[in-house]
Every structure is written in C-alpha cells, then in structure tokens.
Amino acid sequence: MNEQSSDLRETVRQRYAAAATTVTEGAAACCGSGPTAVEVDANFGSGLYDADERAGLPAEAVAASLGCGNPTAVAELRDGDRVLDLGSGGGIDVLLSARRVGPTGKAYGLDMTEEMLALALANAKKAGAGNVEFLKGTIETIPLPANTIDVVISNCVINLSVDKPAVFAEMFRVLKPGGRIGISDVVADDALTSAQRAERGDYVGCIAGALSFAEYRAGLEAAGFTDVGITPTHAVADGMHSAIVRATKAATTTTGPGAPPSHAAAGSCCGVSACSTPAEEAVDPAVGVDEAKSAAGCGCTS
C-alpha cells in the first residue's frame, strides 16, 4: 500500500472512531438523555430504516448508523444463512441480519476500528443476540476461510476502500458457491471523472472514492461474479447515487473444452476449497480435509 492510500485509510479510521466515540459518550451522559446520534444528512443514517426495523434495537446501534441504504432489506436473508457485514460499524445491520437468519444462522461483522467494534459488542450484548460475532480486520483481507459465507452485505463502505479489486476478490473467496451479495453503496454516473467526483464531496464523506456504474460492474465481473445488478435508489450529490448492488457466485462451473478438471473448478470440490493444491482446506473449519472428502464420498485424493 502506498503512502497516499495509507493516509486515506487512516483518515477513514479516525472519522469512524470519532463517530463511535460521539455515540458512546452521548450514551454515558447524565440525565438519561440517550446516545447522541452522529450528524448526517437525510441521504445517510438510520432514517433509511423502517421504524419497525429500528424497534427493539439498542439506541446506540441506531445512533451510530452512517450508511446510505438498508442492505438487509434487499439481501433476501433466509433461516440458517451465514451472513458477513463488511464495515459493520455500530452493528445495526449485523443485528438486523441476526434476526432474519434465526438461531440456526449466524451474522458476522467486520470492522477495522477498535471504537466501533467495542460499540458493536456492547450493542449485541444489549440486544441479547447470541448468533453474532464481530471480527477486527480490513475488508481487503477478510479473516474468514474460503467458501463459508452465504451472503455478504455492506452499507456504504466499499466506496471507502483504497483497494476495491481486493475487496471484490475477498467477497468472492469467502462466499460459498451459489452465495450472493446485497450491498448498499454510493455509485457515480459513468460520465463523471474521478476529479469531478472529488468536486462533489470528500473521500471520507463517501463521495470522492465512489466507483462509476460501469467500473463497479466490471470490478465484480473481474472477480468472478455473475448476475450483476446495480440499481440506484436516491441521489446523494449531483450525479452520485445511493445504489443497491447485487451479484452471485455461480453454484457450478461451466464445463467444456479447455475447462479445468471438475475437482479444481471454482476452487472447491467435495467440501474442500483449493482442492489438490498446497492451500487446500475444508470448507467447514470444524473438520479436516480428509474427513471432508470422505464424508462427501469424494474421489479426489491427490
């Protein structure tokens, strides 16, 4: 990572650390006045969630909401799904996901900011959510095994990344075959140059770092995603939109002349990722490679 990228990431980290501190200190104030919400305009924040969704959530999770949409409303979460929220902040989308996937599912939140992670953990405890887990790390290097997640969500965070191709590649890696993404993000009109995007807002304000519609689609397809759809929902600046981004990781790999052997296709076989390579590992981290192959009746042993 070059110096400029490092500086941008640190600026983003400081901004969201300060937001978490605002909420935490507001919640700790006297007179029972409740947490202080982070100041955002009407295009961002908890107002983008229905009142019945906010009901029952810790006030601090709602106050810390900084997103540009509501990814849980479009991600089609199902009972038993394993969900990963990239840039989970105060935990609002993790807690909503945990409700939707039920006790047999699990919702992970990933964030690089200590202050936000502490706030999210406190919110999960207040909500009594037993099927959530918060992880520290960056969205460019997700600390989860390959092929273990059913759905990746994110709320206005990917535009803040300094290495978006790495984010797309990591989403694809951790998703199970047939997995999907349901993301809210800021996207620019294709006609806007990078300089014109920067004129409309700064990087930490989720504007300058936004991809265009064509760039977003090309990035996801380059990572291996199919069925890419990008639907604008509302304007956040001139030529800049909050949008819902959907895509899938194919459940099967195309066969035919020149296709790789079936055990190597899509990097997985018989419950094992990167099959027959030095990096192979069981999709289920609770079992070993040999056990996973045996349980699946796999003929791939080398």
Protein backbone atom coordinates (compact mmCIF):
# COMPACT_ATOMS: atom_id res chain seq x y z
CA MET A 1 0.00 0.00 0.00
CA ASN A 2 1.44 3.39 -0.97
CA GLU A 3 1.65 6.36 1.37
CA GLN A 4 -1.39 8.12 -0.06
CA SER A 5 -3.54 5.01 0.36
CA SER A 6 -2.28 4.55 3.92
CA ASP A 7 -3.14 8.16 4.72
CA LEU A 8 -6.65 7.77 3.27
CA ARG A 9 -7.28 4.59 5.28
CA GLU A 10 -6.12 6.31 8.47
CA THR A 11 -8.36 9.30 7.76
CA VAL A 12 -11.32 6.95 7.33
CA ARG A 13 -10.42 5.10 10.54
CA GLN A 14 -10.20 8.36 12.50
CA ARG A 15 -13.54 9.57 11.19
CA TYR A 16 -15.37 6.41 12.25
CA ALA A 17 -13.54 6.18 15.55
CA ALA A 18 -14.74 9.70 16.30
CA ALA A 19 -18.30 8.73 15.31
CA ALA A 20 -18.24 5.78 17.71
CA THR A 21 -16.90 8.00 20.48
CA THR A 22 -19.69 10.52 19.88
CA VAL A 23 -22.32 7.83 20.36
CA THR A 24 -20.61 6.22 23.34
CA GLU A 25 -20.03 9.48 25.19
CA GLY A 26 -23.57 10.61 24.43
CA ALA A 27 -24.93 7.36 25.86
CA ALA A 28 -22.86 7.88 29.00
CA ALA A 29 -24.12 11.43 29.56
CA CYS A 30 -26.22 12.29 32.59
CA CYS A 31 -29.96 12.76 32.86
CA GLY A 32 -30.83 9.69 30.77
CA SER A 33 -30.91 11.70 27.58
CA GLY A 34 -29.80 8.72 25.47
CA PRO A 35 -27.00 8.41 22.94
CA THR A 36 -26.01 11.29 20.69
CA ALA A 37 -26.62 10.39 17.05
CA VAL A 38 -23.85 11.01 14.56
CA GLU A 39 -24.72 14.03 12.43
CA VAL A 40 -25.54 13.07 8.83
CA ASP A 41 -27.86 14.47 6.20
CA ALA A 42 -31.11 12.89 5.04
CA ASN A 43 -29.32 10.74 2.47
CA PHE A 44 -27.44 8.77 5.12
CA GLY A 45 -28.12 7.22 8.50
CA SER A 46 -30.82 5.45 10.46
CA GLY A 47 -33.68 7.28 8.72
CA LEU A 48 -33.23 4.85 5.81
CA TYR A 49 -34.56 2.01 8.01
CA ASP A 50 -38.24 1.43 8.73
CA ALA A 51 -39.43 2.22 12.23
CA ASP A 52 -40.36 -1.41 12.85
CA GLU A 53 -36.79 -2.47 11.93
CA ARG A 54 -35.31 0.02 14.39
CA ALA A 55 -37.71 -1.06 17.11
CA GLY A 56 -36.08 -3.31 19.65
CA LEU A 57 -32.54 -2.41 18.61
CA PRO A 58 -30.22 -0.71 21.11
CA ALA A 59 -30.45 3.06 20.71
CA GLU A 60 -26.67 3.21 20.31
CA ALA A 61 -26.77 0.93 17.25
CA VAL A 62 -29.35 3.19 15.62
CA ALA A 63 -27.47 6.37 16.57
CA ALA A 64 -24.23 5.07 15.04
CA SER A 65 -25.80 4.26 11.67
CA LEU A 66 -23.92 6.03 8.87
CA GLY A 67 -24.94 4.03 5.81
CA CYS A 68 -26.54 5.13 2.55
CA GLY A 69 -29.18 2.39 2.41
CA ASN A 70 -30.55 -0.73 4.04
CA PRO A 71 -28.82 -3.83 2.66
CA THR A 72 -30.72 -6.21 4.91
CA ALA A 73 -33.94 -5.23 3.14
CA VAL A 74 -32.66 -6.47 -0.23
CA ALA A 75 -30.27 -9.31 0.63
CA GLU A 76 -33.05 -11.94 0.82
CA LEU A 77 -31.70 -13.44 4.03
CA ARG A 78 -33.02 -16.87 4.97
CA ASP A 79 -33.17 -19.03 8.06
CA GLY A 80 -29.81 -20.63 8.67
CA ASP A 81 -27.79 -18.28 6.44
CA ARG A 82 -24.29 -17.23 7.43
CA VAL A 83 -24.02 -13.50 6.73
CA LEU A 84 -20.98 -11.22 6.67
CA ASP A 85 -21.30 -7.43 7.00
CA LEU A 86 -18.27 -5.56 5.66
CA GLY A 87 -17.57 -2.42 7.70
CA SER A 88 -20.14 -3.25 10.35
CA GLY A 89 -19.74 -0.08 12.44
CA GLY A 90 -22.05 0.03 15.44
CA GLY A 91 -23.69 -3.23 14.37
CA ILE A 92 -27.14 -2.21 13.14
CA ASP A 93 -27.02 -4.40 10.00
CA VAL A 94 -25.46 -7.33 11.89
CA LEU A 95 -28.23 -7.26 14.48
CA LEU A 96 -30.95 -6.99 11.82
CA SER A 97 -29.33 -9.87 9.91
CA ALA A 98 -29.17 -11.98 13.07
CA ARG A 99 -32.94 -11.57 13.46
CA ARG A 100 -33.56 -12.69 9.89
CA VAL A 101 -31.30 -15.76 9.82
CA GLY A 102 -32.58 -17.06 13.15
CA PRO A 103 -30.82 -19.17 15.76
CA THR A 104 -29.53 -21.67 13.19
CA GLY A 105 -27.82 -18.90 11.22
CA LYS A 106 -25.02 -16.53 12.10
CA ALA A 107 -24.15 -12.90 11.39
CA TYR A 108 -20.54 -11.71 11.31
CA GLY A 109 -19.46 -8.09 11.43
CA LEU A 110 -16.03 -6.98 10.20
CA ASP A 111 -14.56 -3.61 11.10
CA MET A 112 -11.07 -2.14 11.41
CA THR A 113 -11.94 0.45 14.06
CA GLU A 114 -11.49 -0.52 17.71
CA GLU A 115 -14.00 2.04 18.91
CA MET A 116 -16.71 0.81 16.55
CA LEU A 117 -16.03 -2.82 17.47
CA ALA A 118 -16.37 -2.01 21.17
CA LEU A 119 -19.66 -0.22 20.49
CA ALA A 120 -20.94 -3.11 18.35
CA LEU A 121 -20.09 -5.70 21.01
CA ALA A 122 -21.93 -3.65 23.63
CA ASN A 123 -24.93 -3.34 21.31
CA ALA A 124 -25.00 -7.09 20.66
CA LYS A 125 -24.97 -7.73 24.39
CA LYS A 126 -27.84 -5.28 24.96
CA ALA A 127 -29.81 -6.91 22.16
CA GLY A 128 -29.21 -10.38 23.57
CA ALA A 129 -28.01 -11.57 20.16
CA GLY A 130 -26.30 -14.92 20.58
CA ASN A 131 -25.76 -15.63 16.88
CA VAL A 132 -23.40 -12.74 16.09
CA GLU A 133 -19.63 -12.38 16.02
CA PHE A 134 -17.55 -9.28 15.42
CA LEU A 135 -14.11 -9.51 13.82
CA LYS A 136 -11.31 -6.97 13.62
CA GLY A 137 -9.75 -6.56 10.21
CA THR A 138 -9.93 -4.82 6.88
CA ILE A 139 -12.37 -5.57 4.09
CA GLU A 140 -9.42 -6.09 1.73
CA THR A 141 -8.22 -9.07 3.80
CA ILE A 142 -11.23 -10.81 5.35
CA PRO A 143 -10.26 -13.05 8.31
CA LEU A 144 -12.57 -15.93 7.38
CA PRO A 145 -11.96 -19.18 5.44
CA ALA A 146 -12.95 -19.58 1.82
CA ASN A 147 -16.43 -20.82 0.88
CA THR A 148 -18.01 -20.32 4.30
CA ILE A 149 -20.48 -17.42 3.84
CA ASP A 150 -23.91 -17.46 2.21
CA VAL A 151 -24.44 -13.70 1.91
CA VAL A 152 -22.13 -10.68 2.01
CA ILE A 153 -23.72 -7.34 2.84
CA SER A 154 -22.23 -3.88 3.29
CA ASN A 155 -23.62 -0.40 3.83
CA CYS A 156 -21.76 2.48 2.19
CA VAL A 157 -18.29 1.12 3.00
CA ILE A 158 -16.78 -0.28 -0.20
CA ASN A 159 -16.52 3.24 -1.64
CA LEU A 160 -14.14 3.99 1.24
CA SER A 161 -11.73 1.18 0.36
CA VAL A 162 -8.34 2.08 -1.08
CA ASP A 163 -8.19 -1.26 -2.95
CA LYS A 164 -11.61 -2.15 -4.32
CA PRO A 165 -10.43 -5.05 -6.56
CA ALA A 166 -9.09 -6.72 -3.41
CA VAL A 167 -12.47 -6.26 -1.71
CA PHE A 168 -14.32 -7.84 -4.63
CA ALA A 169 -11.87 -10.75 -4.74
CA GLU A 170 -12.22 -11.34 -0.99
CA MET A 171 -16.01 -11.29 -1.15
CA PHE A 172 -15.88 -13.90 -3.89
CA ARG A 173 -13.39 -16.01 -1.93
CA VAL A 174 -15.39 -16.23 1.30
CA LEU A 175 -18.75 -16.86 -0.39
CA LYS A 176 -19.94 -20.42 -0.85
CA PRO A 177 -20.73 -21.48 -4.41
CA GLY A 178 -24.21 -20.10 -5.02
CA GLY A 179 -23.61 -17.32 -2.49
CA ARG A 180 -24.71 -13.77 -3.12
CA ILE A 181 -24.09 -10.15 -2.24
CA GLY A 182 -26.61 -7.46 -1.28
CA ILE A 183 -24.81 -4.16 -0.87
CA SER A 184 -25.74 -0.52 -0.44
CA ASP A 185 -23.08 1.83 -1.77
CA VAL A 186 -22.53 5.19 -3.42
CA VAL A 187 -22.08 4.92 -7.19
CA ALA A 188 -21.25 7.66 -9.71
CA ASP A 189 -22.66 8.34 -13.14
CA ASP A 190 -20.38 6.92 -15.80
CA ALA A 191 -19.81 10.38 -17.29
CA LEU A 192 -18.16 11.71 -14.10
CA THR A 193 -14.37 11.66 -13.95
CA SER A 194 -12.54 10.98 -10.68
CA ALA A 195 -11.81 14.70 -10.39
CA GLN A 196 -15.47 15.57 -10.85
CA ARG A 197 -16.47 13.08 -8.16
CA ALA A 198 -13.97 14.69 -5.79
CA GLU A 199 -15.52 18.10 -6.51
CA ARG A 200 -18.84 16.79 -5.19
CA GLY A 201 -17.57 15.53 -1.83
CA ASP A 202 -14.55 14.23 0.02
CA TYR A 203 -13.29 10.68 0.40
CA VAL A 204 -14.43 10.11 3.98
CA GLY A 205 -17.80 11.54 3.03
CA CYS A 206 -18.33 8.54 0.73
CA ILE A 207 -18.22 10.57 -2.48
CA ALA A 208 -14.72 11.00 -3.92
CA GLY A 209 -13.87 7.30 -3.69
CA ALA A 210 -17.05 6.02 -5.32
CA LEU A 211 -16.85 3.87 -8.45
CA SER A 212 -18.99 4.56 -11.50
CA PHE A 213 -21.73 2.13 -12.53
CA ALA A 214 -19.53 0.67 -15.27
CA GLU A 215 -16.49 0.44 -13.00
CA TYR A 216 -18.48 -1.33 -10.28
CA ARG A 217 -19.89 -3.86 -12.72
CA ALA A 218 -16.52 -4.51 -14.34
CA GLY A 219 -14.86 -4.95 -10.93
CA LEU A 220 -17.38 -7.52 -9.76
CA GLU A 221 -17.27 -9.44 -13.03
CA ALA A 222 -13.46 -9.46 -13.00
CA ALA A 223 -13.61 -11.06 -9.55
CA GLY A 224 -15.84 -13.83 -10.93
CA PHE A 225 -19.35 -12.65 -10.03
CA THR A 226 -22.33 -13.18 -12.30
CA ASP A 227 -25.87 -11.72 -12.48
CA VAL A 228 -24.55 -8.30 -11.50
CA GLY A 229 -27.27 -5.71 -10.96
CA ILE A 230 -26.82 -2.11 -9.81
CA THR A 231 -29.99 -0.17 -9.06
CA PRO A 232 -29.89 3.50 -7.95
CA THR A 233 -32.27 4.38 -5.12
CA HIS A 234 -31.74 8.08 -4.37
CA ALA A 235 -29.33 10.90 -5.19
CA VAL A 236 -26.66 11.82 -2.64
CA ALA A 237 -24.97 14.52 -4.78
CA ASP A 238 -25.08 15.74 -8.38
CA GLY A 239 -24.51 12.62 -10.48
CA MET A 240 -23.88 10.48 -7.38
CA HIS A 241 -26.36 7.89 -6.16
CA SER A 242 -27.03 5.51 -3.36
CA ALA A 243 -27.48 2.18 -5.09
CA ILE A 244 -28.30 -1.43 -4.35
CA VAL A 245 -25.68 -3.81 -5.75
CA ARG A 246 -26.49 -7.49 -6.22
CA ALA A 247 -24.42 -10.32 -7.67
CA THR A 248 -23.91 -14.06 -7.25
CA LYS A 249 -21.09 -16.57 -7.13
CA ALA A 250 -22.01 -19.34 -9.53
CA ALA A 251 -23.10 -22.59 -7.88
CA THR A 252 -21.44 -24.65 -10.60
CA THR A 253 -18.62 -24.11 -13.02
CA THR A 254 -19.02 -24.23 -16.77
CA THR A 255 -17.75 -27.44 -18.32
CA GLY A 256 -16.46 -27.97 -21.81
CA PRO A 257 -13.28 -27.99 -23.89
CA GLY A 258 -10.47 -26.30 -22.02
CA ALA A 259 -12.32 -26.24 -18.70
CA PRO A 260 -10.26 -27.23 -15.64
CA PRO A 261 -10.79 -30.65 -14.02
CA SER A 262 -14.02 -30.77 -12.01
CA HIS A 263 -12.20 -31.03 -8.68
CA ALA A 264 -10.39 -27.75 -9.35
CA ALA A 265 -13.33 -25.85 -10.78
CA ALA A 266 -14.33 -22.79 -8.77
CA GLY A 267 -11.57 -23.73 -6.34
CA SER A 268 -13.63 -26.30 -4.49
CA CYS A 269 -14.65 -29.94 -4.50
CA CYS A 270 -16.37 -32.27 -2.06
CA GLY A 271 -16.38 -29.77 0.77
CA VAL A 272 -12.76 -28.76 0.16
CA SER A 273 -11.53 -25.44 -1.23
CA ALA A 274 -8.41 -25.20 -3.39
CA CYS A 275 -8.65 -28.97 -3.84
CA SER A 276 -5.44 -30.81 -4.68
CA THR A 277 -3.27 -27.74 -4.13
CA PRO A 278 -0.95 -26.89 -1.22
CA ALA A 279 -3.59 -24.42 0.00
CA GLU A 280 -6.48 -26.88 0.19
CA GLU A 281 -8.69 -26.67 3.28
CA ALA A 282 -12.06 -27.96 4.39
CA VAL A 283 -14.99 -25.63 3.75
CA ASP A 284 -16.23 -26.49 7.25
CA PRO A 285 -13.41 -25.32 9.55
CA ALA A 286 -14.52 -27.84 12.20
CA VAL A 287 -13.33 -30.82 10.15
CA GLY A 288 -10.12 -31.80 8.42
CA VAL A 289 -9.52 -32.09 4.69
CA ASP A 290 -9.51 -35.91 4.63
CA GLU A 291 -12.64 -36.07 6.77
CA ALA A 292 -14.47 -33.63 4.48
CA LYS A 293 -13.54 -35.64 1.37
CA SER A 294 -14.50 -38.91 2.99
CA ALA A 295 -17.87 -37.60 4.19
CA ALA A 296 -18.67 -36.39 0.66
CA GLY A 297 -17.58 -39.62 -0.96
CA CYS A 298 -15.03 -37.64 -2.94
CA GLY A 299 -12.82 -39.47 -5.41
CA CYS A 300 -10.31 -36.62 -5.38
CA THR A 301 -7.45 -37.71 -3.12
CA SER A 302 -4.35 -36.12 -4.62
